[in-house]
Each structure stands twice: as structure tokens, then as C-alpha cells.
């Protein structure tokens, strides 16, 4: 049973790198992810490459943090976004803003400890 729960948890955790505004008509975007999970330490490390991102605002599971962010292959900073937000994503995760203006491609490395 633990494997099923872990598999579902990993899928949900990976999905928490969610682009805000995904439903807006801003064209198509593509992404790929690499996720590493260590069940013994309950840590997840992930990398996401997003082409044509409709937004630079993301929601990470609480306890996760951005480790590195690149916009068009240049280092950029990120910060927790404190703007008011009543979306479902805000109730489940922490809003993060990547400081980049209309990037063609974003790379975000993030992770942290999760609880099962």
C-alpha cells in the first residue's frame, strides 16, 4: 500500500509546480520534468523546463523552495509572492514569482521535504 500512496504523492507533488494563468488564452506551452524522490528521507528534488510559459508565477507545495531559476538560460531570482490570491492553488501551495519578463524558456529547480 505504501508504494501506491508514494506513487500518488509523487504525481501530486510534481504537479504542484503549476503555472498560474494556465487557462488564459496565451498560446501553447510545453514542459518537461525530472523528479527524484527519496522515500527514506521524504525529500523530493525536481527540475522543470517550460517553453513559452504563460506566466512566471508558480505554486509549490508548502515546504518546497526554488533552488535555481533561469530565464532564457540566464540566472534570475525568485521570491514568495504575497499578492492576495483566493485560488484553489493558493490554498494548497505557496505562490512563487520568477523575476523575468516574458521569457521564451524557464528552467526551475525546486524541492524540499514532503510528508506522507
PDB file of N, CA and C in Angstrom:
ATOM      1  N   UNK A   1       0.816  -1.199   0.000  1.00  0.00           N
ATOM      2  CA  UNK A   1       0.000   0.000   0.000  1.00  0.00           C
ATOM      3  C   UNK A   1       0.856   1.257   0.000  1.00  0.00           C
ATOM      4  N   UNK A   2       1.976   1.220   0.666  1.00  0.00           N
ATOM      5  CA  UNK A   2       2.845   2.396   0.730  1.00  0.00           C
ATOM      6  C   UNK A   2       3.310   2.815  -0.661  1.00  0.00           C
ATOM      7  N   UNK A   3       3.570   1.855  -1.546  1.00  0.00           N
ATOM      8  CA  UNK A   3       4.009   2.191  -2.899  1.00  0.00           C
ATOM      9  C   UNK A   3       2.924   2.938  -3.665  1.00  0.00           C
ATOM     10  N   UNK A   4       1.695   2.539  -3.527  1.00  0.00           N
ATOM     11  CA  UNK A   4       0.597   3.228  -4.208  1.00  0.00           C
ATOM     12  C   UNK A   4       0.473   4.650  -3.686  1.00  0.00           C
ATOM     13  N   UNK A   5       0.541   4.803  -2.380  1.00  0.00           N
ATOM     14  CA  UNK A   5       0.448   6.147  -1.790  1.00  0.00           C
ATOM     15  C   UNK A   5       1.620   6.991  -2.247  1.00  0.00           C
ATOM     16  N   UNK A   6       2.823   6.421  -2.226  1.00  0.00           N
ATOM     17  CA  UNK A   6       4.001   7.169  -2.654  1.00  0.00           C
ATOM     18  C   UNK A   6       3.870   7.571  -4.115  1.00  0.00           C
ATOM     19  N   UNK A   7       3.438   6.643  -4.976  1.00  0.00           N
ATOM     20  CA  UNK A   7       3.267   6.963  -6.391  1.00  0.00           C
ATOM     21  C   UNK A   7       2.276   8.090  -6.587  1.00  0.00           C
ATOM     22  N   UNK A   8       1.157   8.062  -5.898  1.00  0.00           N
ATOM     23  CA  UNK A   8       0.166   9.126  -5.997  1.00  0.00           C
ATOM     24  C   UNK A   8       0.723  10.426  -5.451  1.00  0.00           C
ATOM     25  N   UNK A   9       1.469  10.338  -4.356  1.00  0.00           N
ATOM     26  CA  UNK A   9       2.047  11.539  -3.765  1.00  0.00           C
ATOM     27  C   UNK A   9       3.037  12.177  -4.728  1.00  0.00           C
ATOM     28  N   UNK A  10       3.876  11.385  -5.348  1.00  0.00           N
ATOM     29  CA  UNK A  10       4.858  11.916  -6.285  1.00  0.00           C
ATOM     30  C   UNK A  10       4.164  12.631  -7.432  1.00  0.00           C
ATOM     31  N   UNK A  11       3.126  12.018  -7.966  1.00  0.00           N
ATOM     32  CA  UNK A  11       2.385  12.643  -9.057  1.00  0.00           C
ATOM     33  C   UNK A  11       1.806  13.977  -8.612  1.00  0.00           C
ATOM     34  N   UNK A  12       1.218  14.022  -7.437  1.00  0.00           N
ATOM     35  CA  UNK A  12       0.651  15.275  -6.934  1.00  0.00           C
ATOM     36  C   UNK A  12       1.729  16.302  -6.653  1.00  0.00           C
ATOM     37  N   UNK A  13       2.840  15.881  -6.075  1.00  0.00           N
ATOM     38  CA  UNK A  13       3.913  16.822  -5.771  1.00  0.00           C
ATOM     39  C   UNK A  13       4.506  17.403  -7.038  1.00  0.00           C
ATOM     40  N   UNK A  14       4.717  16.569  -8.026  1.00  0.00           N
ATOM     41  CA  UNK A  14       5.265  17.061  -9.286  1.00  0.00           C
ATOM     42  C   UNK A  14       4.299  18.048  -9.934  1.00  0.00           C
ATOM     43  N   UNK A  15       3.032  17.810  -9.772  1.00  0.00           N
ATOM     44  CA  UNK A  15       2.033  18.699 -10.356  1.00  0.00           C
ATOM     45  C   UNK A  15       1.947  20.033  -9.633  1.00  0.00           C
ATOM     46  N   UNK A  16       2.533  20.144  -8.445  1.00  0.00           N
ATOM     47  CA  UNK A  16       2.439  21.401  -7.712  1.00  0.00           C
ATOM     48  C   UNK A  16       3.324  22.503  -8.277  1.00  0.00           C
ATOM     49  N   UNK A  17       4.144  22.185  -9.247  1.00  0.00           N
ATOM     50  CA  UNK A  17       4.792  23.255  -9.981  1.00  0.00           C
ATOM     51  C   UNK A  17       3.791  23.629 -11.067  1.00  0.00           C
ATOM     52  N   UNK A  18       2.820  24.420 -10.710  1.00  0.00           N
ATOM     53  CA  UNK A  18       1.675  24.711 -11.564  1.00  0.00           C
ATOM     54  C   UNK A  18       1.727  26.146 -12.044  1.00  0.00           C
ATOM     55  N   UNK A  19       1.557  26.324 -13.305  1.00  0.00           N
ATOM     56  CA  UNK A  19       1.599  27.672 -13.852  1.00  0.00           C
ATOM     57  C   UNK A  19       0.285  28.376 -13.596  1.00  0.00           C
ATOM     58  N   UNK A  20       0.364  29.542 -12.954  1.00  0.00           N
ATOM     59  CA  UNK A  20      -0.823  30.366 -12.712  1.00  0.00           C
ATOM     60  C   UNK A  20      -1.231  30.980 -14.038  1.00  0.00           C
ATOM     61  N   UNK A  21      -2.506  30.974 -14.331  1.00  0.00           N
ATOM     62  CA  UNK A  21      -2.990  31.537 -15.582  1.00  0.00           C
ATOM     63  C   UNK A  21      -2.965  30.522 -16.708  1.00  0.00           C
ATOM     64  N   UNK A  22      -2.880  29.237 -16.372  1.00  0.00           N
ATOM     65  CA  UNK A  22      -2.804  28.215 -17.404  1.00  0.00           C
ATOM     66  C   UNK A  22      -4.027  28.193 -18.296  1.00  0.00           C
ATOM     67  N   UNK A  23      -5.164  28.677 -17.808  1.00  0.00           N
ATOM     68  CA  UNK A  23      -6.390  28.650 -18.587  1.00  0.00           C
ATOM     69  C   UNK A  23      -6.548  29.848 -19.505  1.00  0.00           C
ATOM     70  N   UNK A  24      -5.691  30.830 -19.359  1.00  0.00           N
ATOM     71  CA  UNK A  24      -5.807  32.009 -20.192  1.00  0.00           C
ATOM     72  C   UNK A  24      -5.344  31.695 -21.609  1.00  0.00           C
ATOM     73  N   UNK A  25      -5.881  32.406 -22.563  1.00  0.00           N
ATOM     74  CA  UNK A  25      -5.520  32.200 -23.958  1.00  0.00           C
ATOM     75  C   UNK A  25      -4.216  32.915 -24.262  1.00  0.00           C
ATOM     76  N   UNK A  26      -3.111  32.297 -23.937  1.00  0.00           N
ATOM     77  CA  UNK A  26      -1.794  32.891 -24.182  1.00  0.00           C
ATOM     78  C   UNK A  26      -0.974  31.991 -25.088  1.00  0.00           C
ATOM     79  N   UNK A  27      -1.603  31.131 -25.791  1.00  0.00           N
ATOM     80  CA  UNK A  27      -0.871  30.223 -26.662  1.00  0.00           C
ATOM     81  C   UNK A  27      -0.553  28.916 -25.962  1.00  0.00           C
ATOM     82  N   UNK A  28       0.214  28.101 -26.645  1.00  0.00           N
ATOM     83  CA  UNK A  28       0.572  26.795 -26.107  1.00  0.00           C
ATOM     84  C   UNK A  28       1.927  26.863 -25.426  1.00  0.00           C
ATOM     85  N   UNK A  29       2.060  26.081 -24.384  1.00  0.00           N
ATOM     86  CA  UNK A  29       3.356  25.958 -23.747  1.00  0.00           C
ATOM     87  C   UNK A  29       3.646  24.478 -23.568  1.00  0.00           C
ATOM     88  N   UNK A  30       4.924  24.170 -23.479  1.00  0.00           N
ATOM     89  CA  UNK A  30       5.364  22.792 -23.310  1.00  0.00           C
ATOM     90  C   UNK A  30       6.309  22.730 -22.126  1.00  0.00           C
ATOM     91  N   UNK A  31       6.282  21.614 -21.431  1.00  0.00           N
ATOM     92  CA  UNK A  31       7.201  21.457 -20.317  1.00  0.00           C
ATOM     93  C   UNK A  31       7.641  20.010 -20.211  1.00  0.00           C
ATOM     94  N   UNK A  32       8.782  19.847 -19.581  1.00  0.00           N
ATOM     95  CA  UNK A  32       9.249  18.510 -19.235  1.00  0.00           C
ATOM     96  C   UNK A  32       9.815  18.605 -17.834  1.00  0.00           C
ATOM     97  N   UNK A  33       9.734  17.503 -17.123  1.00  0.00           N
ATOM     98  CA  UNK A  33      10.155  17.495 -15.729  1.00  0.00           C
ATOM     99  C   UNK A  33      11.035  16.298 -15.449  1.00  0.00           C
ATOM    100  N   UNK A  34      11.911  16.489 -14.483  1.00  0.00           N
ATOM    101  CA  UNK A  34      12.742  15.412 -13.954  1.00  0.00           C
ATOM    102  C   UNK A  34      12.545  15.457 -12.447  1.00  0.00           C
ATOM    103  N   UNK A  35      12.079  14.370 -11.869  1.00  0.00           N
ATOM    104  CA  UNK A  35      11.759  14.339 -10.443  1.00  0.00           C
ATOM    105  C   UNK A  35      12.503  13.190  -9.778  1.00  0.00           C
ATOM    106  N   UNK A  36      13.147  13.493  -8.661  1.00  0.00           N
ATOM    107  CA  UNK A  36      13.836  12.489  -7.858  1.00  0.00           C
ATOM    108  C   UNK A  36      13.210  12.484  -6.462  1.00  0.00           C
ATOM    109  N   UNK A  37      12.858  11.299  -5.997  1.00  0.00           N
ATOM    110  CA  UNK A  37      12.238  11.165  -4.678  1.00  0.00           C
ATOM    111  C   UNK A  37      13.039  10.181  -3.854  1.00  0.00           C
ATOM    112  N   UNK A  38      13.308  10.554  -2.603  1.00  0.00           N
ATOM    113  CA  UNK A  38      13.967   9.659  -1.665  1.00  0.00           C
ATOM    114  C   UNK A  38      12.969   9.357  -0.550  1.00  0.00           C
ATOM    115  N   UNK A  39      12.293   8.213  -0.614  1.00  0.00           N
ATOM    116  CA  UNK A  39      11.287   7.890   0.403  1.00  0.00           C
ATOM    117  C   UNK A  39      11.865   7.810   1.814  1.00  0.00           C
ATOM    118  N   UNK A  40      13.116   7.413   1.939  1.00  0.00           N
ATOM    119  CA  UNK A  40      13.720   7.271   3.267  1.00  0.00           C
ATOM    120  C   UNK A  40      13.818   8.620   3.983  1.00  0.00           C
ATOM    121  N   UNK A  41      14.139   9.672   3.242  1.00  0.00           N
ATOM    122  CA  UNK A  41      14.272  10.998   3.853  1.00  0.00           C
ATOM    123  C   UNK A  41      13.057  11.883   3.570  1.00  0.00           C
ATOM    124  N   UNK A  42      12.135  11.378   2.767  1.00  0.00           N
ATOM    125  CA  UNK A  42      10.923  12.107   2.365  1.00  0.00           C
ATOM    126  C   UNK A  42      11.276  13.422   1.659  1.00  0.00           C
ATOM    127  N   UNK A  43      12.281  13.374   0.792  1.00  0.00           N
ATOM    128  CA  UNK A  43      12.683  14.562   0.054  1.00  0.00           C
ATOM    129  C   UNK A  43      12.417  14.380  -1.434  1.00  0.00           C
ATOM    130  N   UNK A  44      12.049  15.453  -2.058  1.00  0.00           N
ATOM    131  CA  UNK A  44      11.819  15.489  -3.486  1.00  0.00           C
ATOM    132  C   UNK A  44      12.676  16.604  -4.073  1.00  0.00           C
ATOM    133  N   UNK A  45      13.343  16.322  -5.164  1.00  0.00           N
ATOM    134  CA  UNK A  45      14.078  17.324  -5.923  1.00  0.00           C
ATOM    135  C   UNK A  45      13.574  17.229  -7.349  1.00  0.00           C
ATOM    136  N   UNK A  46      13.266  18.368  -7.944  1.00  0.00           N
ATOM    137  CA  UNK A  46      12.697  18.365  -9.290  1.00  0.00           C
ATOM    138  C   UNK A  46      13.301  19.472 -10.130  1.00  0.00           C
ATOM    139  N   UNK A  47      13.274  19.243 -11.434  1.00  0.00           N
ATOM    140  CA  UNK A  47      13.680  20.239 -12.407  1.00  0.00           C
ATOM    141  C   UNK A  47      12.566  20.327 -13.437  1.00  0.00           C
ATOM    142  N   UNK A  48      12.254  21.535 -13.849  1.00  0.00           N
ATOM    143  CA  UNK A  48      11.218  21.738 -14.865  1.00  0.00           C
ATOM    144  C   UNK A  48      11.745  22.696 -15.927  1.00  0.00           C
ATOM    145  N   UNK A  49      11.513  22.332 -17.181  1.00  0.00           N
ATOM    146  CA  UNK A  49      11.847  23.189 -18.312  1.00  0.00           C
ATOM    147  C   UNK A  49      10.519  23.544 -18.965  1.00  0.00           C
ATOM    148  N   UNK A  50      10.216  24.820 -19.058  1.00  0.00           N
ATOM    149  CA  UNK A  50       8.926  25.265 -19.586  1.00  0.00           C
ATOM    150  C   UNK A  50       9.179  26.210 -20.756  1.00  0.00           C
ATOM    151  N   UNK A  51       8.662  25.838 -21.916  1.00  0.00           N
ATOM    152  CA  UNK A  51       8.803  26.693 -23.086  1.00  0.00           C
ATOM    153  C   UNK A  51       7.508  27.472 -23.295  1.00  0.00           C
ATOM    154  N   UNK A  52       7.646  28.744 -23.592  1.00  0.00           N
ATOM    155  CA  UNK A  52       6.527  29.659 -23.795  1.00  0.00           C
ATOM    156  C   UNK A  52       5.605  29.696 -22.569  1.00  0.00           C
ATOM    157  N   UNK A  53       6.163  29.912 -21.373  1.00  0.00           N
ATOM    158  CA  UNK A  53       5.304  29.923 -20.176  1.00  0.00           C
ATOM    159  C   UNK A  53       4.310  31.083 -20.228  1.00  0.00           C
ATOM    160  N   UNK A  54       3.038  30.818 -19.932  1.00  0.00           N
ATOM    161  CA  UNK A  54       2.040  31.889 -19.942  1.00  0.00           C
ATOM    162  C   UNK A  54       2.177  32.839 -18.763  1.00  0.00           C
ATOM    163  N   UNK A  55       2.958  32.439 -17.758  1.00  0.00           N
ATOM    164  CA  UNK A  55       3.145  33.259 -16.573  1.00  0.00           C
ATOM    165  C   UNK A  55       4.458  32.878 -15.915  1.00  0.00           C
ATOM    166  N   UNK A  56       4.942  33.735 -15.040  1.00  0.00           N
ATOM    167  CA  UNK A  56       6.146  33.408 -14.274  1.00  0.00           C
ATOM    168  C   UNK A  56       5.795  33.192 -12.807  1.00  0.00           C
ATOM    169  N   UNK A  57       4.523  32.989 -12.527  1.00  0.00           N
ATOM    170  CA  UNK A  57       4.060  32.715 -11.164  1.00  0.00           C
ATOM    171  C   UNK A  57       3.720  31.234 -11.061  1.00  0.00           C
ATOM    172  N   UNK A  58       4.213  30.606  -9.991  1.00  0.00           N
ATOM    173  CA  UNK A  58       4.011  29.183  -9.768  1.00  0.00           C
ATOM    174  C   UNK A  58       3.530  28.944  -8.352  1.00  0.00           C
ATOM    175  N   UNK A  59       3.021  27.743  -8.127  1.00  0.00           N
ATOM    176  CA  UNK A  59       2.645  27.324  -6.772  1.00  0.00           C
ATOM    177  C   UNK A  59       3.424  26.070  -6.443  1.00  0.00           C
ATOM    178  N   UNK A  60       4.163  26.141  -5.362  1.00  0.00           N
ATOM    179  CA  UNK A  60       4.905  24.979  -4.893  1.00  0.00           C
ATOM    180  C   UNK A  60       4.269  24.461  -3.620  1.00  0.00           C
ATOM    181  N   UNK A  61       4.348  23.152  -3.441  1.00  0.00           N
ATOM    182  CA  UNK A  61       3.826  22.576  -2.206  1.00  0.00           C
ATOM    183  C   UNK A  61       4.524  23.232  -1.032  1.00  0.00           C
ATOM    184  N   UNK A  62       3.767  23.464   0.032  1.00  0.00           N
ATOM    185  CA  UNK A  62       4.354  24.062   1.233  1.00  0.00           C
ATOM    186  C   UNK A  62       5.545  23.220   1.682  1.00  0.00           C
ATOM    187  N   UNK A  63       6.613  23.878   2.061  1.00  0.00           N
ATOM    188  CA  UNK A  63       7.833  23.186   2.436  1.00  0.00           C
ATOM    189  C   UNK A  63       8.826  23.065   1.291  1.00  0.00           C
ATOM    190  N   UNK A  64       8.388  23.352   0.078  1.00  0.00           N
ATOM    191  CA  UNK A  64       9.280  23.319  -1.076  1.00  0.00           C
ATOM    192  C   UNK A  64       9.813  24.718  -1.329  1.00  0.00           C
ATOM    193  N   UNK A  65      10.955  24.791  -1.999  1.00  0.00           N
ATOM    194  CA  UNK A  65      11.555  26.082  -2.332  1.00  0.00           C
ATOM    195  C   UNK A  65      12.239  25.986  -3.689  1.00  0.00           C
ATOM    196  N   UNK A  66      12.334  27.113  -4.355  1.00  0.00           N
ATOM    197  CA  UNK A  66      13.071  27.192  -5.614  1.00  0.00           C
ATOM    198  C   UNK A  66      14.556  27.205  -5.277  1.00  0.00           C
ATOM    199  N   UNK A  67      15.309  26.333  -5.908  1.00  0.00           N
ATOM    200  CA  UNK A  67      16.753  26.252  -5.685  1.00  0.00           C
ATOM    201  C   UNK A  67      17.513  27.071  -6.735  1.00  0.00           C
ATOM    202  N   UNK A  68      16.953  27.106  -7.945  1.00  0.00           N
ATOM    203  CA  UNK A  68      17.592  27.831  -9.039  1.00  0.00           C
ATOM    204  C   UNK A  68      16.529  28.148 -10.079  1.00  0.00           C
ATOM    205  N   UNK A  69      16.664  29.309 -10.724  1.00  0.00           N
ATOM    206  CA  UNK A  69      15.762  29.681 -11.812  1.00  0.00           C
ATOM    207  C   UNK A  69      16.568  30.343 -12.923  1.00  0.00           C
ATOM    208  N   UNK A  70      16.293  29.920 -14.137  1.00  0.00           N
ATOM    209  CA  UNK A  70      16.917  30.502 -15.317  1.00  0.00           C
ATOM    210  C   UNK A  70      15.813  30.943 -16.270  1.00  0.00           C
ATOM    211  N   UNK A  71      15.964  32.123 -16.833  1.00  0.00           N
ATOM    212  CA  UNK A  71      15.061  32.606 -17.882  1.00  0.00           C
ATOM    213  C   UNK A  71      15.914  32.789 -19.123  1.00  0.00           C
ATOM    214  N   UNK A  72      15.590  32.038 -20.159  1.00  0.00           N
ATOM    215  CA  UNK A  72      16.373  32.071 -21.394  1.00  0.00           C
ATOM    216  C   UNK A  72      17.862  31.881 -21.104  1.00  0.00           C
ATOM    217  N   UNK A  73      18.144  30.918 -20.223  1.00  0.00           N
ATOM    218  CA  UNK A  73      19.494  30.478 -19.848  1.00  0.00           C
ATOM    219  C   UNK A  73      20.292  31.498 -19.040  1.00  0.00           C
ATOM    220  N   UNK A  74      19.616  32.489 -18.494  1.00  0.00           N
ATOM    221  CA  UNK A  74      20.291  33.468 -17.634  1.00  0.00           C
ATOM    222  C   UNK A  74      19.707  33.362 -16.238  1.00  0.00           C
ATOM    223  N   UNK A  75      20.584  33.377 -15.240  1.00  0.00           N
ATOM    224  CA  UNK A  75      20.168  33.280 -13.835  1.00  0.00           C
ATOM    225  C   UNK A  75      19.219  34.425 -13.489  1.00  0.00           C
ATOM    226  N   UNK A  76      18.101  34.098 -12.856  1.00  0.00           N
ATOM    227  CA  UNK A  76      17.152  35.099 -12.371  1.00  0.00           C
ATOM    228  C   UNK A  76      16.779  34.745 -10.937  1.00  0.00           C
ATOM    229  N   UNK A  77      16.230  35.702 -10.234  1.00  0.00           N
ATOM    230  CA  UNK A  77      15.845  35.431  -8.851  1.00  0.00           C
ATOM    231  C   UNK A  77      14.357  35.096  -8.778  1.00  0.00           C
ATOM    232  N   UNK A  78      13.967  34.607  -7.629  1.00  0.00           N
ATOM    233  CA  UNK A  78      12.560  34.293  -7.370  1.00  0.00           C
ATOM    234  C   UNK A  78      12.245  34.710  -5.949  1.00  0.00           C
ATOM    235  N   UNK A  79      10.981  34.903  -5.683  1.00  0.00           N
ATOM    236  CA  UNK A  79      10.558  35.252  -4.321  1.00  0.00           C
ATOM    237  C   UNK A  79       9.137  34.757  -4.100  1.00  0.00           C
ATOM    238  N   UNK A  80       8.809  34.561  -2.838  1.00  0.00           N
ATOM    239  CA  UNK A  80       7.444  34.181  -2.494  1.00  0.00           C
ATOM    240  C   UNK A  80       6.553  35.373  -2.771  1.00  0.00           C
ATOM    241  N   UNK A  81       5.473  35.140  -3.483  1.00  0.00           N
ATOM    242  CA  UNK A  81       4.567  36.219  -3.878  1.00  0.00           C
ATOM    243  C   UNK A  81       3.513  36.404  -2.795  1.00  0.00           C
ATOM    244  N   UNK A  82       3.409  37.611  -2.282  1.00  0.00           N
ATOM    245  CA  UNK A  82       2.465  37.874  -1.194  1.00  0.00           C
ATOM    246  C   UNK A  82       1.181  38.543  -1.678  1.00  0.00           C
ATOM    247  N   UNK A  83       0.996  38.653  -2.995  1.00  0.00           N
ATOM    248  CA  UNK A  83      -0.232  39.252  -3.516  1.00  0.00           C
ATOM    249  C   UNK A  83      -1.430  38.398  -3.116  1.00  0.00           C
ATOM    250  N   UNK A  84      -2.562  39.031  -2.787  1.00  0.00           N
ATOM    251  CA  UNK A  84      -3.755  38.272  -2.399  1.00  0.00           C
ATOM    252  C   UNK A  84      -4.186  37.316  -3.510  1.00  0.00           C
ATOM    253  N   UNK A  85      -4.571  36.138  -3.116  1.00  0.00           N
ATOM    254  CA  UNK A  85      -4.947  35.118  -4.088  1.00  0.00           C
ATOM    255  C   UNK A  85      -5.931  34.160  -3.419  1.00  0.00           C
ATOM    256  N   UNK A  86      -7.092  34.024  -4.001  1.00  0.00           N
ATOM    257  CA  UNK A  86      -8.112  33.134  -3.431  1.00  0.00           C
ATOM    258  C   UNK A  86      -8.296  31.864  -4.256  1.00  0.00           C
ATOM    259  N   UNK A  87      -7.338  31.556  -5.123  1.00  0.00           N
ATOM    260  CA  UNK A  87      -7.473  30.371  -5.961  1.00  0.00           C
ATOM    261  C   UNK A  87      -7.272  29.092  -5.154  1.00  0.00           C
ATOM    262  N   UNK A  88      -7.701  27.991  -5.725  1.00  0.00           N
ATOM    263  CA  UNK A  88      -7.507  26.677  -5.109  1.00  0.00           C
ATOM    264  C   UNK A  88      -6.019  26.390  -4.943  1.00  0.00           C
ATOM    265  N   UNK A  89      -5.211  26.790  -5.943  1.00  0.00           N
ATOM    266  CA  UNK A  89      -3.779  26.546  -5.869  1.00  0.00           C
ATOM    267  C   UNK A  89      -3.162  27.241  -4.660  1.00  0.00           C
ATOM    268  N   UNK A  90      -3.622  28.447  -4.345  1.00  0.00           N
ATOM    269  CA  UNK A  90      -3.071  29.197  -3.212  1.00  0.00           C
ATOM    270  C   UNK A  90      -3.386  28.504  -1.886  1.00  0.00           C
ATOM    271  N   UNK A  91      -4.488  27.784  -1.836  1.00  0.00           N
ATOM    272  CA  UNK A  91      -4.844  27.076  -0.601  1.00  0.00           C
ATOM    273  C   UNK A  91      -3.982  25.830  -0.413  1.00  0.00           C
ATOM    274  N   UNK A  92      -3.475  25.285  -1.504  1.00  0.00           N
ATOM    275  CA  UNK A  92      -2.694  24.060  -1.441  1.00  0.00           C
ATOM    276  C   UNK A  92      -1.188  24.282  -1.492  1.00  0.00           C
ATOM    277  N   UNK A  93      -0.769  25.427  -2.002  1.00  0.00           N
ATOM    278  CA  UNK A  93       0.658  25.645  -2.181  1.00  0.00           C
ATOM    279  C   UNK A  93       1.075  27.068  -1.885  1.00  0.00           C
ATOM    280  N   UNK A  94       2.346  27.334  -2.088  1.00  0.00           N
ATOM    281  CA  UNK A  94       2.937  28.637  -1.849  1.00  0.00           C
ATOM    282  C   UNK A  94       3.183  29.319  -3.189  1.00  0.00           C
ATOM    283  N   UNK A  95       2.663  30.533  -3.389  1.00  0.00           N
ATOM    284  CA  UNK A  95       2.901  31.224  -4.658  1.00  0.00           C
ATOM    285  C   UNK A  95       4.340  31.749  -4.736  1.00  0.00           C
ATOM    286  N   UNK A  96       4.970  31.513  -5.868  1.00  0.00           N
ATOM    287  CA  UNK A  96       6.343  31.941  -6.117  1.00  0.00           C
ATOM    288  C   UNK A  96       6.372  32.698  -7.431  1.00  0.00           C
ATOM    289  N   UNK A  97       7.073  33.816  -7.449  1.00  0.00           N
ATOM    290  CA  UNK A  97       7.218  34.616  -8.663  1.00  0.00           C
ATOM    291  C   UNK A  97       8.672  34.528  -9.127  1.00  0.00           C
ATOM    292  N   UNK A  98       8.856  34.153 -10.391  1.00  0.00           N
ATOM    293  CA  UNK A  98      10.177  34.150 -11.015  1.00  0.00           C
ATOM    294  C   UNK A  98      10.340  35.526 -11.660  1.00  0.00           C
ATOM    295  N   UNK A  99      11.413  36.200 -11.358  1.00  0.00           N
ATOM    296  CA  UNK A  99      11.595  37.570 -11.836  1.00  0.00           C
ATOM    297  C   UNK A  99      12.190  37.587 -13.239  1.00  0.00           C
ATOM    298  N   UNK A 100      11.293  37.500 -14.221  1.00  0.00           N
ATOM    299  CA  UNK A 100      11.688  37.513 -15.627  1.00  0.00           C
ATOM    300  C   UNK A 100      10.546  38.108 -16.439  1.00  0.00           C
ATOM    301  N   UNK A 101      10.880  38.872 -17.448  1.00  0.00           N
ATOM    302  CA  UNK A 101       9.881  39.500 -18.311  1.00  0.00           C
ATOM    303  C   UNK A 101       9.703  38.688 -19.589  1.00  0.00           C
ATOM    304  N   UNK A 102       8.552  38.068 -19.754  1.00  0.00           N
ATOM    305  CA  UNK A 102       8.184  37.326 -20.973  1.00  0.00           C
ATOM    306  C   UNK A 102       9.293  36.404 -21.498  1.00  0.00           C
ATOM    307  N   UNK A 103       9.755  35.478 -20.683  1.00  0.00           N
ATOM    308  CA  UNK A 103      10.818  34.587 -21.162  1.00  0.00           C
ATOM    309  C   UNK A 103      10.300  33.591 -22.201  1.00  0.00           C
ATOM    310  N   UNK A 104      11.181  33.187 -23.063  1.00  0.00           N
ATOM    311  CA  UNK A 104      10.862  32.146 -24.052  1.00  0.00           C
ATOM    312  C   UNK A 104      10.929  30.775 -23.373  1.00  0.00           C
ATOM    313  N   UNK A 105      11.893  30.621 -22.458  1.00  0.00           N
ATOM    314  CA  UNK A 105      12.039  29.357 -21.749  1.00  0.00           C
ATOM    315  C   UNK A 105      12.427  29.611 -20.298  1.00  0.00           C
ATOM    316  N   UNK A 106      11.810  28.871 -19.398  1.00  0.00           N
ATOM    317  CA  UNK A 106      12.156  28.909 -17.977  1.00  0.00           C
ATOM    318  C   UNK A 106      12.686  27.548 -17.559  1.00  0.00           C
ATOM    319  N   UNK A 107      13.679  27.583 -16.703  1.00  0.00           N
ATOM    320  CA  UNK A 107      14.182  26.385 -16.044  1.00  0.00           C
ATOM    321  C   UNK A 107      14.035  26.657 -14.559  1.00  0.00           C
ATOM    322  N   UNK A 108      13.382  25.751 -13.852  1.00  0.00           N
ATOM    323  CA  UNK A 108      13.188  25.919 -12.415  1.00  0.00           C
ATOM    324  C   UNK A 108      13.592  24.624 -11.721  1.00  0.00           C
ATOM    325  N   UNK A 109      14.518  24.747 -10.791  1.00  0.00           N
ATOM    326  CA  UNK A 109      14.926  23.617  -9.946  1.00  0.00           C
ATOM    327  C   UNK A 109      14.349  23.896  -8.570  1.00  0.00           C
ATOM    328  N   UNK A 110      13.633  22.929  -8.035  1.00  0.00           N
ATOM    329  CA  UNK A 110      12.979  23.138  -6.744  1.00  0.00           C
ATOM    330  C   UNK A 110      12.905  21.822  -5.985  1.00  0.00           C
ATOM    331  N   UNK A 111      12.551  21.914  -4.717  1.00  0.00           N
ATOM    332  CA  UNK A 111      12.390  20.701  -3.931  1.00  0.00           C
ATOM    333  C   UNK A 111      12.219  21.006  -2.468  1.00  0.00           C
ATOM    334  N   UNK A 112      12.196  19.944  -1.700  1.00  0.00           N
ATOM    335  CA  UNK A 112      12.025  20.056  -0.268  1.00  0.00           C
ATOM    336  C   UNK A 112      11.543  18.749   0.317  1.00  0.00           C
ATOM    337  N   UNK A 113      11.138  18.820   1.546  1.00  0.00           N
ATOM    338  CA  UNK A 113      10.660  17.645   2.267  1.00  0.00           C
ATOM    339  C   UNK A 113       9.137  17.588   2.205  1.00  0.00           C
ATOM    340  N   UNK A 114       8.617  16.400   2.005  1.00  0.00           N
ATOM    341  CA  UNK A 114       7.170  16.210   1.994  1.00  0.00           C
ATOM    342  C   UNK A 114       6.793  15.198   3.062  1.00  0.00           C
ATOM    343  N   UNK A 115       5.558  15.234   3.444  1.00  0.00           N
ATOM    344  CA  UNK A 115       5.065  14.274   4.444  1.00  0.00           C
ATOM    345  C   UNK A 115       4.113  13.319   3.785  1.00  0.00           C
ATOM    346  N   UNK A 116       4.195  12.065   4.193  1.00  0.00           N
ATOM    347  CA  UNK A 116       3.296  11.050   3.628  1.00  0.00           C
ATOM    348  C   UNK A 116       2.157  10.798   4.587  1.00  0.00           C
TER     349      UNK A 116
END
